[in-house]
Amino acid sequence: MYQDLIDILLSAHRLQSKFLEVNRSMKQMILVLVFMSPILSVTGEPSLITAKEFEVFAAQRAGEKVCMKGQFSKVFQAHVRLYDIEDKMIGFTMDDSKGEYFQYAMAKKSKLASELLSLKEDTPIRACGHIKMVPVPIAGSTDADPFFMVHEVAVLSEPSE
């Protein structure tokens, strides 16, 4: 009888040890995933993203502060007009640091219109802002699309890498 009780306790101890081992491994794996996340900022600073990362992760990262480095292309109002916000917003396109075309950037006209209109094509920039979900302007639709709401644009002295 005592042997059965001892065996049960040993089995429970082994199971608990295995659980702790798996739990420790899971915590390590979660930490690795957090630090490897392409957009998540561990320091609280805006993370650098690429056009492809925006395309893949933007909806899940709505509200997050991000930056994108690249070359300014042009002021581009097509998306702003489509969403019926052209009276308040100015849209622009850029090529990200990997050369990928990005067309979902916009900024408040009152804040950045003059600066954006003065930029020449291929000017190296760093745009910072947040990811915002903008409601689709179709009656009855509850859909929203992600946009990069830019708060500041800095001209870089060297082309982005």
N, C-alpha and C. Protein backbone atom coordinates (compact mmCIF):
# COMPACT_ATOMS: atom_id res chain seq x y z
N MET A 1 0.82 -1.19 0.00
CA MET A 1 0.00 0.00 0.00
C MET A 1 0.87 1.26 0.00
N TYR A 2 1.89 1.24 0.88
CA TYR A 2 2.78 2.40 0.91
C TYR A 2 3.54 2.55 -0.41
N GLN A 3 3.88 1.40 -0.99
CA GLN A 3 4.61 1.44 -2.26
C GLN A 3 3.74 2.08 -3.35
N ASP A 4 2.46 1.76 -3.38
CA ASP A 4 1.54 2.36 -4.35
C ASP A 4 1.47 3.87 -4.15
N LEU A 5 1.40 4.28 -2.91
CA LEU A 5 1.35 5.71 -2.59
C LEU A 5 2.65 6.40 -3.00
N ILE A 6 3.77 5.74 -2.74
CA ILE A 6 5.07 6.29 -3.14
C ILE A 6 5.15 6.40 -4.66
N ASP A 7 4.70 5.38 -5.37
CA ASP A 7 4.71 5.40 -6.85
C ASP A 7 3.84 6.53 -7.39
N ILE A 8 2.68 6.73 -6.79
CA ILE A 8 1.78 7.81 -7.22
C ILE A 8 2.43 9.16 -6.98
N LEU A 9 3.04 9.32 -5.81
CA LEU A 9 3.71 10.60 -5.51
C LEU A 9 4.90 10.84 -6.45
N LEU A 10 5.67 9.80 -6.73
CA LEU A 10 6.79 9.94 -7.67
C LEU A 10 6.30 10.29 -9.08
N SER A 11 5.22 9.65 -9.50
CA SER A 11 4.64 9.96 -10.82
C SER A 11 4.16 11.40 -10.86
N ALA A 12 3.50 11.82 -9.79
CA ALA A 12 3.03 13.21 -9.74
C ALA A 12 4.20 14.18 -9.77
N HIS A 13 5.27 13.83 -9.06
CA HIS A 13 6.46 14.69 -9.05
C HIS A 13 7.08 14.77 -10.45
N ARG A 14 7.17 13.61 -11.13
CA ARG A 14 7.73 13.59 -12.50
C ARG A 14 6.86 14.43 -13.44
N LEU A 15 5.55 14.28 -13.31
CA LEU A 15 4.64 15.07 -14.14
C LEU A 15 4.80 16.56 -13.86
N GLN A 16 4.90 16.90 -12.58
CA GLN A 16 5.09 18.31 -12.22
C GLN A 16 6.41 18.83 -12.78
N SER A 17 7.46 18.03 -12.70
CA SER A 17 8.76 18.43 -13.26
C SER A 17 8.66 18.62 -14.76
N LYS A 18 7.99 17.69 -15.43
CA LYS A 18 7.81 17.83 -16.89
C LYS A 18 7.02 19.09 -17.21
N PHE A 19 5.96 19.34 -16.44
CA PHE A 19 5.15 20.53 -16.67
C PHE A 19 6.00 21.79 -16.50
N LEU A 20 6.79 21.84 -15.44
CA LEU A 20 7.66 23.00 -15.20
C LEU A 20 8.67 23.17 -16.33
N GLU A 21 9.18 22.03 -16.83
CA GLU A 21 10.15 22.08 -17.93
C GLU A 21 9.48 22.63 -19.19
N VAL A 22 8.29 22.13 -19.50
CA VAL A 22 7.54 22.62 -20.66
C VAL A 22 7.17 24.08 -20.47
N ASN A 23 6.72 24.44 -19.26
CA ASN A 23 6.36 25.82 -18.96
C ASN A 23 7.56 26.75 -19.15
N ARG A 24 8.73 26.35 -18.66
CA ARG A 24 9.95 27.14 -18.84
C ARG A 24 10.27 27.30 -20.33
N SER A 25 10.14 26.21 -21.07
CA SER A 25 10.40 26.26 -22.52
C SER A 25 9.43 27.19 -23.22
N MET A 26 8.16 27.13 -22.81
CA MET A 26 7.14 28.00 -23.42
C MET A 26 7.46 29.47 -23.15
N LYS A 27 7.86 29.78 -21.91
CA LYS A 27 8.21 31.16 -21.57
C LYS A 27 9.39 31.62 -22.41
N GLN A 28 10.40 30.76 -22.59
CA GLN A 28 11.55 31.13 -23.41
C GLN A 28 11.12 31.35 -24.86
N MET A 29 10.24 30.47 -25.36
CA MET A 29 9.79 30.59 -26.74
C MET A 29 8.99 31.89 -26.91
N ILE A 30 8.16 32.22 -25.95
CA ILE A 30 7.38 33.46 -26.03
C ILE A 30 8.31 34.66 -26.02
N LEU A 31 9.32 34.64 -25.16
CA LEU A 31 10.29 35.75 -25.13
C LEU A 31 11.01 35.88 -26.46
N VAL A 32 11.40 34.77 -27.06
CA VAL A 32 12.07 34.82 -28.36
C VAL A 32 11.14 35.41 -29.40
N LEU A 33 9.88 34.98 -29.41
CA LEU A 33 8.92 35.51 -30.38
C LEU A 33 8.71 37.00 -30.19
N VAL A 34 8.62 37.45 -28.95
CA VAL A 34 8.42 38.88 -28.69
C VAL A 34 9.59 39.69 -29.20
N PHE A 35 10.81 39.23 -28.93
CA PHE A 35 11.98 40.00 -29.35
C PHE A 35 12.23 39.90 -30.85
N MET A 36 11.69 38.87 -31.49
CA MET A 36 11.89 38.74 -32.93
C MET A 36 10.77 39.36 -33.74
N SER A 37 9.70 39.78 -33.11
CA SER A 37 8.57 40.36 -33.81
C SER A 37 9.02 41.55 -34.65
N PRO A 38 8.64 41.59 -35.94
CA PRO A 38 9.14 42.64 -36.82
C PRO A 38 8.60 44.03 -36.52
N ILE A 39 7.49 44.13 -35.82
CA ILE A 39 6.94 45.46 -35.57
C ILE A 39 6.94 45.81 -34.09
N LEU A 40 6.81 44.83 -33.24
CA LEU A 40 6.69 45.10 -31.82
C LEU A 40 7.91 45.82 -31.28
N SER A 41 7.69 46.89 -30.59
CA SER A 41 8.79 47.65 -29.99
C SER A 41 8.91 47.30 -28.52
N VAL A 42 10.02 46.71 -28.14
CA VAL A 42 10.25 46.33 -26.76
C VAL A 42 10.60 47.56 -25.93
N THR A 43 11.24 48.55 -26.53
CA THR A 43 11.71 49.72 -25.80
C THR A 43 10.65 50.80 -25.65
N GLY A 44 9.54 50.68 -26.34
CA GLY A 44 8.53 51.73 -26.31
C GLY A 44 8.73 52.74 -27.42
N GLU A 45 9.86 52.67 -28.10
CA GLU A 45 10.12 53.55 -29.24
C GLU A 45 9.37 53.00 -30.45
N PRO A 46 9.00 53.88 -31.40
CA PRO A 46 8.36 53.38 -32.62
C PRO A 46 9.29 52.40 -33.35
N SER A 47 8.74 51.31 -33.82
CA SER A 47 9.51 50.31 -34.56
C SER A 47 9.60 50.69 -36.02
N LEU A 48 10.69 50.32 -36.65
CA LEU A 48 10.82 50.50 -38.09
C LEU A 48 10.08 49.36 -38.78
N ILE A 49 9.26 49.70 -39.77
CA ILE A 49 8.55 48.69 -40.53
C ILE A 49 8.85 48.87 -42.00
N THR A 50 8.54 47.85 -42.78
CA THR A 50 8.65 47.92 -44.23
C THR A 50 7.24 47.89 -44.82
N ALA A 51 7.14 48.13 -46.11
CA ALA A 51 5.84 48.08 -46.78
C ALA A 51 5.21 46.70 -46.64
N LYS A 52 6.01 45.66 -46.78
CA LYS A 52 5.50 44.28 -46.69
C LYS A 52 5.01 43.99 -45.26
N GLU A 53 5.75 44.43 -44.25
CA GLU A 53 5.31 44.23 -42.87
C GLU A 53 4.01 44.98 -42.60
N PHE A 54 3.87 46.17 -43.16
CA PHE A 54 2.62 46.92 -43.01
C PHE A 54 1.47 46.12 -43.63
N GLU A 55 1.70 45.63 -44.84
CA GLU A 55 0.67 44.87 -45.55
C GLU A 55 0.22 43.66 -44.75
N VAL A 56 1.16 42.96 -44.13
CA VAL A 56 0.85 41.72 -43.41
C VAL A 56 0.31 41.97 -42.00
N PHE A 57 0.88 42.93 -41.27
CA PHE A 57 0.58 43.08 -39.84
C PHE A 57 -0.27 44.29 -39.46
N ALA A 58 -0.56 45.18 -40.37
CA ALA A 58 -1.19 46.46 -40.00
C ALA A 58 -2.50 46.32 -39.24
N ALA A 59 -3.39 45.47 -39.69
CA ALA A 59 -4.69 45.34 -39.03
C ALA A 59 -4.54 44.89 -37.57
N GLN A 60 -3.59 43.98 -37.32
CA GLN A 60 -3.38 43.50 -35.95
C GLN A 60 -2.65 44.53 -35.10
N ARG A 61 -1.95 45.47 -35.73
CA ARG A 61 -1.13 46.45 -35.00
C ARG A 61 -1.76 47.84 -34.98
N ALA A 62 -3.05 47.93 -35.25
CA ALA A 62 -3.73 49.23 -35.27
C ALA A 62 -3.47 49.98 -33.97
N GLY A 63 -3.14 51.26 -34.10
CA GLY A 63 -2.87 52.10 -32.95
C GLY A 63 -1.40 52.15 -32.56
N GLU A 64 -0.60 51.24 -33.08
CA GLU A 64 0.81 51.17 -32.71
C GLU A 64 1.63 52.26 -33.40
N LYS A 65 2.60 52.80 -32.68
CA LYS A 65 3.51 53.81 -33.24
C LYS A 65 4.59 53.10 -34.04
N VAL A 66 4.79 53.56 -35.28
CA VAL A 66 5.79 52.96 -36.16
C VAL A 66 6.49 54.03 -36.99
N CYS A 67 7.61 53.67 -37.57
CA CYS A 67 8.34 54.54 -38.50
C CYS A 67 8.69 53.73 -39.73
N MET A 68 8.88 54.42 -40.84
CA MET A 68 9.31 53.79 -42.08
C MET A 68 10.38 54.67 -42.71
N LYS A 69 11.49 54.04 -43.08
CA LYS A 69 12.55 54.75 -43.79
C LYS A 69 12.44 54.41 -45.26
N GLY A 70 12.83 55.36 -46.09
CA GLY A 70 12.82 55.12 -47.52
C GLY A 70 12.99 56.39 -48.31
N GLN A 71 12.56 56.35 -49.57
CA GLN A 71 12.63 57.51 -50.45
C GLN A 71 11.22 58.01 -50.74
N PHE A 72 11.04 59.31 -50.57
CA PHE A 72 9.77 59.95 -50.89
C PHE A 72 9.54 59.81 -52.39
N SER A 73 8.30 59.51 -52.79
CA SER A 73 7.96 59.45 -54.22
C SER A 73 7.19 60.69 -54.64
N LYS A 74 5.95 60.80 -54.14
CA LYS A 74 5.13 61.95 -54.52
C LYS A 74 3.91 62.07 -53.61
N VAL A 75 3.30 63.24 -53.66
CA VAL A 75 2.00 63.43 -53.01
C VAL A 75 1.00 62.68 -53.89
N PHE A 76 0.14 61.90 -53.27
CA PHE A 76 -0.75 61.00 -54.00
C PHE A 76 -2.11 61.01 -53.30
N GLN A 77 -3.09 61.63 -53.91
CA GLN A 77 -4.38 61.84 -53.25
C GLN A 77 -5.45 60.80 -53.57
N ALA A 78 -5.16 59.80 -54.40
CA ALA A 78 -6.20 58.86 -54.81
C ALA A 78 -6.87 58.17 -53.62
N HIS A 79 -6.09 57.64 -52.69
CA HIS A 79 -6.69 56.95 -51.54
C HIS A 79 -7.42 57.92 -50.62
N VAL A 80 -6.86 59.10 -50.47
CA VAL A 80 -7.49 60.10 -49.60
C VAL A 80 -8.85 60.50 -50.18
N ARG A 81 -8.91 60.66 -51.50
CA ARG A 81 -10.19 60.99 -52.16
C ARG A 81 -11.18 59.84 -52.01
N LEU A 82 -10.69 58.62 -52.20
CA LEU A 82 -11.54 57.44 -52.12
C LEU A 82 -12.22 57.34 -50.76
N TYR A 83 -11.52 57.74 -49.72
CA TYR A 83 -12.05 57.66 -48.36
C TYR A 83 -12.72 58.96 -47.92
N ASP A 84 -12.86 59.89 -48.86
CA ASP A 84 -13.58 61.14 -48.65
C ASP A 84 -13.06 61.93 -47.45
N ILE A 85 -11.72 62.03 -47.37
CA ILE A 85 -11.10 62.80 -46.28
C ILE A 85 -10.07 63.78 -46.83
N GLU A 86 -10.19 64.10 -48.13
CA GLU A 86 -9.18 64.95 -48.76
C GLU A 86 -9.18 66.39 -48.25
N ASP A 87 -10.27 66.82 -47.60
CA ASP A 87 -10.27 68.18 -47.06
C ASP A 87 -9.38 68.30 -45.82
N LYS A 88 -9.13 67.18 -45.13
CA LYS A 88 -8.31 67.19 -43.91
C LYS A 88 -6.93 66.54 -44.08
N MET A 89 -6.83 65.62 -45.02
CA MET A 89 -5.62 64.79 -45.12
C MET A 89 -4.91 64.95 -46.46
N ILE A 90 -3.61 64.69 -46.44
CA ILE A 90 -2.81 64.65 -47.66
C ILE A 90 -2.14 63.28 -47.71
N GLY A 91 -2.23 62.64 -48.85
CA GLY A 91 -1.64 61.31 -49.01
C GLY A 91 -0.32 61.41 -49.75
N PHE A 92 0.54 60.43 -49.53
CA PHE A 92 1.80 60.39 -50.29
C PHE A 92 2.28 58.96 -50.43
N THR A 93 3.18 58.77 -51.39
CA THR A 93 3.77 57.46 -51.62
C THR A 93 5.27 57.54 -51.38
N MET A 94 5.83 56.38 -51.11
CA MET A 94 7.27 56.29 -50.91
C MET A 94 7.73 54.88 -51.22
N ASP A 95 9.01 54.72 -51.42
CA ASP A 95 9.62 53.39 -51.53
C ASP A 95 10.29 53.14 -50.19
N ASP A 96 10.01 52.00 -49.57
CA ASP A 96 10.58 51.73 -48.25
C ASP A 96 12.08 51.43 -48.35
N SER A 97 12.70 51.09 -47.24
CA SER A 97 14.15 50.85 -47.20
C SER A 97 14.57 49.65 -48.04
N LYS A 98 13.61 48.81 -48.42
CA LYS A 98 13.92 47.65 -49.27
C LYS A 98 13.52 47.90 -50.72
N GLY A 99 13.09 49.13 -51.02
CA GLY A 99 12.71 49.47 -52.38
C GLY A 99 11.28 49.12 -52.75
N GLU A 100 10.48 48.67 -51.78
CA GLU A 100 9.08 48.31 -52.03
C GLU A 100 8.20 49.56 -52.05
N TYR A 101 7.31 49.64 -53.02
CA TYR A 101 6.40 50.78 -53.16
C TYR A 101 5.37 50.75 -52.03
N PHE A 102 5.11 51.92 -51.43
CA PHE A 102 4.14 52.03 -50.34
C PHE A 102 3.24 53.23 -50.60
N GLN A 103 1.93 53.00 -50.65
CA GLN A 103 0.99 54.07 -51.01
C GLN A 103 -0.05 54.39 -49.95
N TYR A 104 0.09 53.83 -48.76
CA TYR A 104 -0.94 54.02 -47.73
C TYR A 104 -0.54 55.00 -46.64
N ALA A 105 0.26 55.98 -46.98
CA ALA A 105 0.67 56.99 -46.00
C ALA A 105 -0.17 58.25 -46.18
N MET A 106 -0.57 58.83 -45.06
CA MET A 106 -1.28 60.11 -45.11
C MET A 106 -0.95 60.91 -43.86
N ALA A 107 -1.17 62.21 -43.96
CA ALA A 107 -0.88 63.11 -42.84
C ALA A 107 -1.92 64.22 -42.84
N LYS A 108 -2.04 64.90 -41.71
CA LYS A 108 -2.96 66.04 -41.63
C LYS A 108 -2.42 67.16 -42.51
N LYS A 109 -3.30 67.71 -43.33
CA LYS A 109 -2.90 68.83 -44.20
C LYS A 109 -2.38 69.99 -43.38
N SER A 110 -3.06 70.29 -42.29
CA SER A 110 -2.68 71.45 -41.48
C SER A 110 -1.28 71.32 -40.88
N LYS A 111 -0.80 70.10 -40.75
CA LYS A 111 0.49 69.90 -40.11
C LYS A 111 1.64 69.66 -41.09
N LEU A 112 1.43 68.83 -42.12
CA LEU A 112 2.56 68.41 -42.96
C LEU A 112 2.42 68.69 -44.46
N ALA A 113 1.33 69.30 -44.90
CA ALA A 113 1.14 69.51 -46.34
C ALA A 113 2.29 70.30 -46.96
N SER A 114 2.67 71.41 -46.37
CA SER A 114 3.75 72.24 -46.93
C SER A 114 5.05 71.46 -47.03
N GLU A 115 5.36 70.74 -45.97
CA GLU A 115 6.60 69.96 -45.94
C GLU A 115 6.60 68.86 -47.01
N LEU A 116 5.49 68.14 -47.13
CA LEU A 116 5.41 67.07 -48.13
C LEU A 116 5.45 67.62 -49.55
N LEU A 117 4.76 68.73 -49.79
CA LEU A 117 4.75 69.32 -51.13
C LEU A 117 6.12 69.86 -51.53
N SER A 118 6.96 70.18 -50.56
CA SER A 118 8.29 70.72 -50.87
C SER A 118 9.33 69.62 -51.13
N LEU A 119 9.00 68.37 -50.80
CA LEU A 119 9.96 67.28 -51.00
C LEU A 119 10.08 66.91 -52.48
N LYS A 120 11.29 66.60 -52.88
CA LYS A 120 11.54 66.14 -54.25
C LYS A 120 11.52 64.61 -54.27
N GLU A 121 11.21 64.08 -55.44
CA GLU A 121 11.22 62.63 -55.61
C GLU A 121 12.59 62.06 -55.24
N ASP A 122 12.59 60.91 -54.60
CA ASP A 122 13.80 60.19 -54.15
C ASP A 122 14.53 60.84 -52.98
N THR A 123 13.89 61.81 -52.32
CA THR A 123 14.48 62.38 -51.11
C THR A 123 14.42 61.31 -50.02
N PRO A 124 15.56 60.99 -49.37
CA PRO A 124 15.52 60.00 -48.29
C PRO A 124 14.80 60.57 -47.06
N ILE A 125 13.82 59.82 -46.56
CA ILE A 125 13.03 60.30 -45.41
C ILE A 125 12.85 59.20 -44.37
N ARG A 126 12.46 59.64 -43.20
CA ARG A 126 11.99 58.76 -42.12
C ARG A 126 10.64 59.32 -41.72
N ALA A 127 9.59 58.55 -41.96
CA ALA A 127 8.23 58.97 -41.61
C ALA A 127 7.80 58.21 -40.36
N CYS A 128 7.28 58.94 -39.37
CA CYS A 128 6.83 58.31 -38.12
C CYS A 128 5.38 58.70 -37.84
N GLY A 129 4.64 57.77 -37.29
CA GLY A 129 3.24 58.01 -36.96
C GLY A 129 2.65 56.77 -36.32
N HIS A 130 1.39 56.49 -36.62
CA HIS A 130 0.75 55.30 -36.08
C HIS A 130 -0.13 54.66 -37.14
N ILE A 131 -0.45 53.41 -36.91
CA ILE A 131 -1.32 52.67 -37.83
C ILE A 131 -2.76 52.93 -37.41
N LYS A 132 -3.57 53.37 -38.36
CA LYS A 132 -4.97 53.71 -38.06
C LYS A 132 -5.89 52.97 -39.01
N MET A 133 -6.97 52.45 -38.46
CA MET A 133 -7.99 51.81 -39.28
C MET A 133 -8.99 52.89 -39.70
N VAL A 134 -9.14 53.06 -41.02
CA VAL A 134 -10.04 54.08 -41.57
C VAL A 134 -11.28 53.37 -42.13
N PRO A 135 -12.47 53.77 -41.68
CA PRO A 135 -13.70 53.12 -42.16
C PRO A 135 -13.86 53.24 -43.68
N VAL A 136 -14.29 52.14 -44.28
CA VAL A 136 -14.56 52.12 -45.72
C VAL A 136 -15.82 52.94 -45.98
N PRO A 137 -15.75 53.90 -46.93
CA PRO A 137 -16.89 54.80 -47.15
C PRO A 137 -17.99 54.22 -48.03
N ILE A 138 -18.49 53.06 -47.67
CA ILE A 138 -19.59 52.43 -48.41
C ILE A 138 -20.75 52.29 -47.43
N ALA A 139 -21.90 52.77 -47.82
CA ALA A 139 -23.07 52.74 -46.93
C ALA A 139 -23.32 51.34 -46.40
N GLY A 140 -23.47 51.23 -45.11
CA GLY A 140 -23.75 49.96 -44.48
C GLY A 140 -22.53 49.10 -44.19
N SER A 141 -21.36 49.52 -44.66
CA SER A 141 -20.15 48.73 -44.44
C SER A 141 -19.58 48.98 -43.05
N THR A 142 -19.13 47.91 -42.43
CA THR A 142 -18.45 48.03 -41.13
C THR A 142 -16.96 47.76 -41.27
N ASP A 143 -16.50 47.62 -42.53
CA ASP A 143 -15.08 47.36 -42.78
C ASP A 143 -14.24 48.61 -42.57
N ALA A 144 -12.96 48.39 -42.32
CA ALA A 144 -12.00 49.48 -42.19
C ALA A 144 -10.67 49.01 -42.77
N ASP A 145 -9.94 49.91 -43.38
CA ASP A 145 -8.64 49.59 -43.97
C ASP A 145 -7.54 50.30 -43.20
N PRO A 146 -6.36 49.66 -43.10
CA PRO A 146 -5.26 50.28 -42.38
C PRO A 146 -4.54 51.35 -43.20
N PHE A 147 -4.18 52.44 -42.54
CA PHE A 147 -3.38 53.50 -43.15
C PHE A 147 -2.28 53.89 -42.18
N PHE A 148 -1.20 54.42 -42.72
CA PHE A 148 -0.09 54.91 -41.92
C PHE A 148 -0.31 56.40 -41.73
N MET A 149 -0.77 56.79 -40.54
CA MET A 149 -1.03 58.20 -40.22
C MET A 149 0.27 58.83 -39.75
N VAL A 150 0.89 59.62 -40.61
CA VAL A 150 2.21 60.17 -40.35
C VAL A 150 2.09 61.46 -39.53
N HIS A 151 2.88 61.54 -38.46
CA HIS A 151 2.90 62.73 -37.60
C HIS A 151 4.12 63.59 -37.86
N GLU A 152 5.20 62.96 -38.33
CA GLU A 152 6.42 63.72 -38.62
C GLU A 152 7.20 63.06 -39.74
N VAL A 153 7.85 63.91 -40.52
CA VAL A 153 8.71 63.44 -41.61
C VAL A 153 10.06 64.12 -41.43
N ALA A 154 11.10 63.32 -41.37
CA ALA A 154 12.45 63.86 -41.25
C ALA A 154 13.22 63.52 -42.52
N VAL A 155 13.85 64.52 -43.10
CA VAL A 155 14.70 64.29 -44.27
C VAL A 155 16.02 63.74 -43.76
N LEU A 156 16.44 62.62 -44.33
CA LEU A 156 17.69 61.99 -43.92
C LEU A 156 18.83 62.49 -44.79
N SER A 157 20.00 62.63 -44.21
CA SER A 157 21.14 63.14 -44.97
C SER A 157 21.72 62.09 -45.90
N GLU A 158 21.54 60.80 -45.56
CA GLU A 158 22.04 59.73 -46.41
C GLU A 158 20.86 58.86 -46.83
N PRO A 159 20.95 58.25 -48.03
CA PRO A 159 19.88 57.33 -48.43
C PRO A 159 19.74 56.20 -47.42
N SER A 160 18.51 55.73 -47.23
CA SER A 160 18.29 54.63 -46.28
C SER A 160 18.91 53.36 -46.82
N GLU A 161 19.28 52.48 -45.90
CA GLU A 161 19.95 51.23 -46.26
C GLU A 161 18.96 50.19 -46.69
